[in-house]
PDB file of N, CA and C in Angstrom:
ATOM      1  N   MET A   1       0.922  -1.139   0.080  1.00  0.00           N
ATOM      2  CA  MET A   1      -0.041   0.017  -0.063  1.00  0.00           C
ATOM      3  C   MET A   1       0.954   1.324  -0.029  1.00  0.00           C
ATOM      4  N   PHE A   2       0.647   2.247  -0.865  1.00  0.00           N
ATOM      5  CA  PHE A   2       1.215   3.538  -0.878  1.00  0.00           C
ATOM      6  C   PHE A   2       0.419   4.525  -0.262  1.00  0.00           C
ATOM      7  N   GLN A   3       0.981   5.434   0.435  1.00  0.00           N
ATOM      8  CA  GLN A   3       0.238   6.463   1.177  1.00  0.00           C
ATOM      9  C   GLN A   3       1.017   7.754   1.057  1.00  0.00           C
ATOM     10  N   ILE A   4       0.305   8.841   0.761  1.00  0.00           N
ATOM     11  CA  ILE A   4       0.870  10.268   0.876  1.00  0.00           C
ATOM     12  C   ILE A   4       0.497  10.777   2.186  1.00  0.00           C
ATOM     13  N   GLU A   5       1.297  11.354   2.902  1.00  0.00           N
ATOM     14  CA  GLU A   5       1.182  12.002   4.292  1.00  0.00           C
ATOM     15  C   GLU A   5       2.109  12.999   4.564  1.00  0.00           C
ATOM     16  N   GLU A   6       1.725  13.786   5.669  1.00  0.00           N
ATOM     17  CA  GLU A   6       2.583  14.710   6.212  1.00  0.00           C
ATOM     18  C   GLU A   6       3.466  13.990   7.165  1.00  0.00           C
ATOM     19  N   ALA A   7       4.685  14.255   7.104  1.00  0.00           N
ATOM     20  CA  ALA A   7       5.712  13.653   8.167  1.00  0.00           C
ATOM     21  C   ALA A   7       5.407  14.126   9.452  1.00  0.00           C
ATOM     22  N   PRO A   8       5.042  13.243  10.410  1.00  0.00           N
ATOM     23  CA  PRO A   8       4.654  13.669  11.821  1.00  0.00           C
ATOM     24  C   PRO A   8       5.862  14.049  12.644  1.00  0.00           C
ATOM     25  N   THR A   9       6.971  13.606  12.314  1.00  0.00           N
ATOM     26  CA  THR A   9       8.314  13.969  13.085  1.00  0.00           C
ATOM     27  C   THR A   9       9.334  14.313  12.067  1.00  0.00           C
ATOM     28  N   GLY A  10      10.404  14.697  12.503  1.00  0.00           N
ATOM     29  CA  GLY A  10      11.589  15.086  11.669  1.00  0.00           C
ATOM     30  C   GLY A  10      12.789  14.054  11.784  1.00  0.00           C
ATOM     31  N   THR A  11      12.389  12.828  12.164  1.00  0.00           N
ATOM     32  CA  THR A  11      13.346  11.804  12.482  1.00  0.00           C
ATOM     33  C   THR A  11      13.440  10.646  11.425  1.00  0.00           C
ATOM     34  N   THR A  12      12.601  10.719  10.506  1.00  0.00           N
ATOM     35  CA  THR A  12      12.506   9.654   9.382  1.00  0.00           C
ATOM     36  C   THR A  12      13.526   9.955   8.354  1.00  0.00           C
ATOM     37  N   LYS A  13      14.377   9.028   7.867  1.00  0.00           N
ATOM     38  CA  LYS A  13      15.207   9.136   6.843  1.00  0.00           C
ATOM     39  C   LYS A  13      14.565   8.693   5.411  1.00  0.00           C
ATOM     40  N   CYS A  14      14.815   9.480   4.463  1.00  0.00           N
ATOM     41  CA  CYS A  14      14.391   9.118   3.183  1.00  0.00           C
ATOM     42  C   CYS A  14      15.137   7.865   2.571  1.00  0.00           C
ATOM     43  N   ASP A  15      14.355   6.831   2.105  1.00  0.00           N
ATOM     44  CA  ASP A  15      15.052   5.588   1.677  1.00  0.00           C
ATOM     45  C   ASP A  15      15.674   5.811   0.195  1.00  0.00           C
ATOM     46  N   TRP A  16      15.424   6.874  -0.467  1.00  0.00           N
ATOM     47  CA  TRP A  16      16.123   7.269  -1.713  1.00  0.00           C
ATOM     48  C   TRP A  16      17.473   7.961  -1.443  1.00  0.00           C
ATOM     49  N   CYS A  17      17.426   9.136  -0.717  1.00  0.00           N
ATOM     50  CA  CYS A  17      18.560   9.996  -0.599  1.00  0.00           C
ATOM     51  C   CYS A  17      19.167   9.851   0.644  1.00  0.00           C
ATOM     52  N   ARG A  18      18.650   9.240   1.657  1.00  0.00           N
ATOM     53  CA  ARG A  18      19.035   9.096   2.968  1.00  0.00           C
ATOM     54  C   ARG A  18      19.140  10.290   3.848  1.00  0.00           C
ATOM     55  N   GLU A  19      18.589  11.425   3.271  1.00  0.00           N
ATOM     56  CA  GLU A  19      18.490  12.618   4.276  1.00  0.00           C
ATOM     57  C   GLU A  19      16.984  12.523   5.039  1.00  0.00           C
ATOM     58  N   LEU A  20      17.061  13.311   6.264  1.00  0.00           N
ATOM     59  CA  LEU A  20      15.782  13.411   6.939  1.00  0.00           C
ATOM     60  C   LEU A  20      14.779  14.001   6.361  1.00  0.00           C
ATOM     61  N   ILE A  21      13.608  13.463   6.549  1.00  0.00           N
ATOM     62  CA  ILE A  21      12.333  14.091   5.960  1.00  0.00           C
ATOM     63  C   ILE A  21      11.883  15.047   7.126  1.00  0.00           C
ATOM     64  N   LYS A  22      11.861  16.322   6.792  1.00  0.00           N
ATOM     65  CA  LYS A  22      11.431  17.498   7.744  1.00  0.00           C
ATOM     66  C   LYS A  22       9.900  17.350   8.026  1.00  0.00           C
ATOM     67  N   LYS A  23       9.692  17.574   9.341  1.00  0.00           N
ATOM     68  CA  LYS A  23       8.312  17.578   9.869  1.00  0.00           C
ATOM     69  C   LYS A  23       7.361  18.431   9.216  1.00  0.00           C
ATOM     70  N   GLY A  24       6.298  17.886   8.831  1.00  0.00           N
ATOM     71  CA  GLY A  24       5.151  18.708   8.193  1.00  0.00           C
ATOM     72  C   GLY A  24       5.146  18.631   6.683  1.00  0.00           C
ATOM     73  N   THR A  25       6.205  18.089   6.008  1.00  0.00           N
ATOM     74  CA  THR A  25       6.393  18.002   4.682  1.00  0.00           C
ATOM     75  C   THR A  25       5.695  16.612   4.111  1.00  0.00           C
ATOM     76  N   LEU A  26       5.346  16.683   2.828  1.00  0.00           N
ATOM     77  CA  LEU A  26       4.664  15.490   2.314  1.00  0.00           C
ATOM     78  C   LEU A  26       5.820  14.530   1.977  1.00  0.00           C
ATOM     79  N   ARG A  27       5.351  13.191   2.390  1.00  0.00           N
ATOM     80  CA  ARG A  27       6.282  12.115   2.095  1.00  0.00           C
ATOM     81  C   ARG A  27       5.399  10.929   1.493  1.00  0.00           C
ATOM     82  N   LEU A  28       6.055  10.087   0.829  1.00  0.00           N
ATOM     83  CA  LEU A  28       5.449   8.801   0.331  1.00  0.00           C
ATOM     84  C   LEU A  28       5.785   7.772   1.190  1.00  0.00           C
ATOM     85  N   ARG A  29       4.759   6.855   1.582  1.00  0.00           N
ATOM     86  CA  ARG A  29       5.088   5.722   2.507  1.00  0.00           C
ATOM     87  C   ARG A  29       4.555   4.555   1.823  1.00  0.00           C
ATOM     88  N   PHE A  30       5.533   3.597   1.769  1.00  0.00           N
ATOM     89  CA  PHE A  30       5.082   2.207   1.178  1.00  0.00           C
ATOM     90  C   PHE A  30       5.039   1.233   2.323  1.00  0.00           C
ATOM     91  N   ALA A  31       3.946   0.539   2.588  1.00  0.00           N
ATOM     92  CA  ALA A  31       3.740  -0.271   3.697  1.00  0.00           C
ATOM     93  C   ALA A  31       3.338  -1.565   3.248  1.00  0.00           C
ATOM     94  N   PRO A  32       4.381  -2.492   3.007  1.00  0.00           N
ATOM     95  CA  PRO A  32       4.090  -3.832   2.659  1.00  0.00           C
ATOM     96  C   PRO A  32       3.245  -4.504   3.836  1.00  0.00           C
ATOM     97  N   PRO A  33       2.504  -5.759   3.538  1.00  0.00           N
ATOM     98  CA  PRO A  33       1.839  -6.432   4.567  1.00  0.00           C
ATOM     99  C   PRO A  33       2.707  -6.796   5.619  1.00  0.00           C
ATOM    100  N   LYS A  34       3.973  -7.192   5.425  1.00  0.00           N
ATOM    101  CA  LYS A  34       4.951  -7.687   6.493  1.00  0.00           C
ATOM    102  C   LYS A  34       6.144  -6.877   6.245  1.00  0.00           C
ATOM    103  N   GLY A  35       6.936  -6.509   7.323  1.00  0.00           N
ATOM    104  CA  GLY A  35       8.238  -6.048   7.260  1.00  0.00           C
ATOM    105  C   GLY A  35       8.275  -4.511   7.474  1.00  0.00           C
ATOM    106  N   TYR A  36       9.344  -4.100   6.914  1.00  0.00           N
ATOM    107  CA  TYR A  36       9.740  -2.570   7.051  1.00  0.00           C
ATOM    108  C   TYR A  36       8.930  -1.570   6.282  1.00  0.00           C
ATOM    109  N   ASN A  37       8.640  -0.531   6.729  1.00  0.00           N
ATOM    110  CA  ASN A  37       7.995   0.645   5.920  1.00  0.00           C
ATOM    111  C   ASN A  37       9.065   1.337   5.299  1.00  0.00           C
ATOM    112  N   TYR A  38       8.787   1.747   4.003  1.00  0.00           N
ATOM    113  CA  TYR A  38       9.697   2.621   3.226  1.00  0.00           C
ATOM    114  C   TYR A  38       9.039   3.990   3.206  1.00  0.00           C
ATOM    115  N   TYR A  39       9.939   5.028   3.240  1.00  0.00           N
ATOM    116  CA  TYR A  39       9.602   6.459   3.254  1.00  0.00           C
ATOM    117  C   TYR A  39      10.389   7.246   2.338  1.00  0.00           C
ATOM    118  N   TRP A  40       9.854   8.152   1.467  1.00  0.00           N
ATOM    119  CA  TRP A  40      10.533   8.964   0.565  1.00  0.00           C
ATOM    120  C   TRP A  40      10.063  10.391   0.724  1.00  0.00           C
ATOM    121  N   HIS A  41      11.023  11.417   0.518  1.00  0.00           N
ATOM    122  CA  HIS A  41      10.538  12.714   0.164  1.00  0.00           C
ATOM    123  C   HIS A  41       9.610  12.749  -0.928  1.00  0.00           C
ATOM    124  N   GLN A  42       8.721  13.734  -1.094  1.00  0.00           N
ATOM    125  CA  GLN A  42       7.803  13.791  -2.140  1.00  0.00           C
ATOM    126  C   GLN A  42       8.545  13.699  -3.577  1.00  0.00           C
ATOM    127  N   GLU A  43       9.682  14.542  -3.710  1.00  0.00           N
ATOM    128  CA  GLU A  43      10.390  14.442  -4.967  1.00  0.00           C
ATOM    129  C   GLU A  43      11.108  13.066  -5.131  1.00  0.00           C
ATOM    130  N   CYS A  44      11.657  12.491  -4.104  1.00  0.00           N
ATOM    131  CA  CYS A  44      12.277  11.254  -4.222  1.00  0.00           C
ATOM    132  C   CYS A  44      11.210  10.123  -4.602  1.00  0.00           C
ATOM    133  N   GLY A  45      10.026  10.169  -4.058  1.00  0.00           N
ATOM    134  CA  GLY A  45       9.072   9.239  -4.349  1.00  0.00           C
ATOM    135  C   GLY A  45       8.697   9.320  -5.745  1.00  0.00           C
ATOM    136  N   ILE A  46       8.550  10.478  -6.360  1.00  0.00           N
ATOM    137  CA  ILE A  46       8.295  10.720  -7.672  1.00  0.00           C
ATOM    138  C   ILE A  46       9.378  10.009  -8.693  1.00  0.00           C
ATOM    139  N   LYS A  47      10.645  10.172  -8.360  1.00  0.00           N
ATOM    140  CA  LYS A  47      11.674   9.597  -9.066  1.00  0.00           C
ATOM    141  C   LYS A  47      11.573   7.970  -9.024  1.00  0.00           C
ATOM    142  N   TYR A  48      11.306   7.457  -7.727  1.00  0.00           N
ATOM    143  CA  TYR A  48      11.050   6.097  -7.579  1.00  0.00           C
ATOM    144  C   TYR A  48       9.966   5.436  -8.503  1.00  0.00           C
ATOM    145  N   LEU A  49       8.801   6.144  -8.454  1.00  0.00           N
ATOM    146  CA  LEU A  49       7.655   5.790  -9.115  1.00  0.00           C
ATOM    147  C   LEU A  49       7.806   5.881 -10.647  1.00  0.00           C
ATOM    148  N   GLU A  50       8.574   6.869 -11.032  1.00  0.00           N
ATOM    149  CA  GLU A  50       8.871   7.055 -12.522  1.00  0.00           C
ATOM    150  C   GLU A  50       9.732   5.788 -13.014  1.00  0.00           C
ATOM    151  N   GLY A  51      10.789   5.344 -12.207  1.00  0.00           N
ATOM    152  CA  GLY A  51      11.627   4.192 -12.560  1.00  0.00           C
ATOM    153  C   GLY A  51      10.689   2.911 -12.513  1.00  0.00           C
ATOM    154  N   LEU A  52       9.899   2.830 -11.453  1.00  0.00           N
ATOM    155  CA  LEU A  52       9.135   1.677 -11.368  1.00  0.00           C
ATOM    156  C   LEU A  52       8.086   1.550 -12.539  1.00  0.00           C
ATOM    157  N   THR A  53       7.524   2.702 -13.024  1.00  0.00           N
ATOM    158  CA  THR A  53       6.591   2.718 -14.116  1.00  0.00           C
ATOM    159  C   THR A  53       7.381   2.198 -15.349  1.00  0.00           C
ATOM    160  N   ILE A  54       8.492   2.559 -15.660  1.00  0.00           N
ATOM    161  CA  ILE A  54       9.301   2.275 -16.693  1.00  0.00           C
ATOM    162  C   ILE A  54       9.601   0.733 -16.728  1.00  0.00           C
ATOM    163  N   LEU A  55       9.988   0.213 -15.579  1.00  0.00           N
ATOM    164  CA  LEU A  55      10.340  -1.229 -15.397  1.00  0.00           C
ATOM    165  C   LEU A  55       9.037  -2.018 -15.537  1.00  0.00           C
ATOM    166  N   LEU A  56       7.970  -1.548 -15.016  1.00  0.00           N
ATOM    167  CA  LEU A  56       6.624  -2.259 -15.159  1.00  0.00           C
ATOM    168  C   LEU A  56       6.269  -2.336 -16.691  1.00  0.00           C
ATOM    169  N   GLN A  57       6.368  -1.373 -17.348  1.00  0.00           N
ATOM    170  CA  GLN A  57       6.052  -1.235 -18.929  1.00  0.00           C
ATOM    171  C   GLN A  57       7.025  -2.316 -19.662  1.00  0.00           C
ATOM    172  N   LYS A  58       8.315  -2.478 -19.193  1.00  0.00           N
ATOM    173  CA  LYS A  58       9.226  -3.366 -19.942  1.00  0.00           C
ATOM    174  C   LYS A  58       8.828  -4.899 -19.297  1.00  0.00           C
ATOM    175  N   GLY A  59       7.968  -5.095 -18.512  1.00  0.00           N
ATOM    176  CA  GLY A  59       7.737  -6.475 -17.888  1.00  0.00           C
ATOM    177  C   GLY A  59       8.651  -6.969 -16.862  1.00  0.00           C
ATOM    178  N   GLU A  60       9.395  -6.126 -16.123  1.00  0.00           N
ATOM    179  CA  GLU A  60      10.500  -6.389 -15.218  1.00  0.00           C
ATOM    180  C   GLU A  60       9.662  -7.104 -13.941  1.00  0.00           C
ATOM    181  N   LYS A  61      10.358  -8.143 -13.561  1.00  0.00           N
ATOM    182  CA  LYS A  61       9.840  -8.733 -12.377  1.00  0.00           C
ATOM    183  C   LYS A  61      10.799  -8.786 -11.089  1.00  0.00           C
ATOM    184  N   GLY A  62      10.307  -8.974  -9.968  1.00  0.00           N
ATOM    185  CA  GLY A  62      11.247  -9.066  -8.639  1.00  0.00           C
ATOM    186  C   GLY A  62      11.385  -7.753  -7.937  1.00  0.00           C
ATOM    187  N   ARG A  63      12.225  -7.633  -7.112  1.00  0.00           N
ATOM    188  CA  ARG A  63      12.359  -6.545  -6.228  1.00  0.00           C
ATOM    189  C   ARG A  63      12.967  -5.387  -6.978  1.00  0.00           C
ATOM    190  N   ILE A  64      12.314  -4.147  -6.949  1.00  0.00           N
ATOM    191  CA  ILE A  64      12.791  -2.929  -7.617  1.00  0.00           C
ATOM    192  C   ILE A  64      13.321  -2.027  -6.574  1.00  0.00           C
ATOM    193  N   ASP A  65      14.665  -1.954  -6.462  1.00  0.00           N
ATOM    194  CA  ASP A  65      15.291  -1.125  -5.455  1.00  0.00           C
ATOM    195  C   ASP A  65      15.707   0.198  -6.088  1.00  0.00           C
ATOM    196  N   ARG A  66      16.263   1.101  -5.332  1.00  0.00           N
ATOM    197  CA  ARG A  66      16.596   2.455  -5.698  1.00  0.00           C
ATOM    198  C   ARG A  66      17.547   2.477  -6.924  1.00  0.00           C
ATOM    199  N   LYS A  67      18.477   1.673  -6.821  1.00  0.00           N
ATOM    200  CA  LYS A  67      19.465   1.498  -7.959  1.00  0.00           C
ATOM    201  C   LYS A  67      18.883   1.153  -9.286  1.00  0.00           C
ATOM    202  N   LYS A  68      18.028   0.115  -9.231  1.00  0.00           N
ATOM    203  CA  LYS A  68      17.320  -0.275 -10.499  1.00  0.00           C
ATOM    204  C   LYS A  68      16.290   0.669 -10.982  1.00  0.00           C
ATOM    205  N   ALA A  69      15.711   1.263 -10.192  1.00  0.00           N
ATOM    206  CA  ALA A  69      14.740   2.341 -10.545  1.00  0.00           C
ATOM    207  C   ALA A  69      15.442   3.565 -11.170  1.00  0.00           C
ATOM    208  N   ASP A  70      16.433   3.912 -10.524  1.00  0.00           N
ATOM    209  CA  ASP A  70      17.271   5.121 -10.996  1.00  0.00           C
ATOM    210  C   ASP A  70      17.987   4.837 -12.330  1.00  0.00           C
ATOM    211  N   LYS A  71      18.432   3.627 -12.655  1.00  0.00           N
ATOM    212  CA  LYS A  71      19.030   3.329 -13.867  1.00  0.00           C
ATOM    213  C   LYS A  71      17.895   3.306 -15.010  1.00  0.00           C
ATOM    214  N   ALA A  72      16.824   2.794 -14.604  1.00  0.00           N
ATOM    215  CA  ALA A  72      15.698   2.773 -15.574  1.00  0.00           C
ATOM    216  C   ALA A  72      15.335   4.230 -16.010  1.00  0.00           C
ATOM    217  N   ARG A  73      15.400   5.203 -14.995  1.00  0.00           N
ATOM    218  CA  ARG A  73      14.889   6.640 -15.323  1.00  0.00           C
ATOM    219  C   ARG A  73      16.009   7.251 -16.123  1.00  0.00           C
ATOM    220  N   LYS A  74      17.341   6.857 -15.936  1.00  0.00           N
ATOM    221  CA  LYS A  74      18.459   7.481 -16.718  1.00  0.00           C
ATOM    222  C   LYS A  74      18.675   7.019 -17.996  1.00  0.00           C
ATOM    223  N   ASP A  75      18.171   5.757 -18.240  1.00  0.00           N
ATOM    224  CA  ASP A  75      18.367   5.076 -19.537  1.00  0.00           C
ATOM    225  C   ASP A  75      17.333   5.469 -20.624  1.00  0.00           C
ATOM    226  N   THR A  76      16.297   6.136 -20.183  1.00  0.00           N
ATOM    227  CA  THR A  76      15.312   6.531 -21.085  1.00  0.00           C
ATOM    228  C   THR A  76      15.475   7.934 -21.611  1.00  0.00           C
TER     229      THR A  76
END
């Protein structure tokens, strides 16, 4: 599940750029049924989703991490 929300604290790190997400700014949260929640700044989340969209259109399967999504964005 993806969720767009305001960051309630300033202690969460962005899983894309590794910088802190400031309190009150928009963030994208991915919460799988089990395991770790992933958080991105609004801009970083857009980058990830762009790469994910490209890979989905190409029929890519498996885990899509930052490196793979970023490479897909830059290759187009």
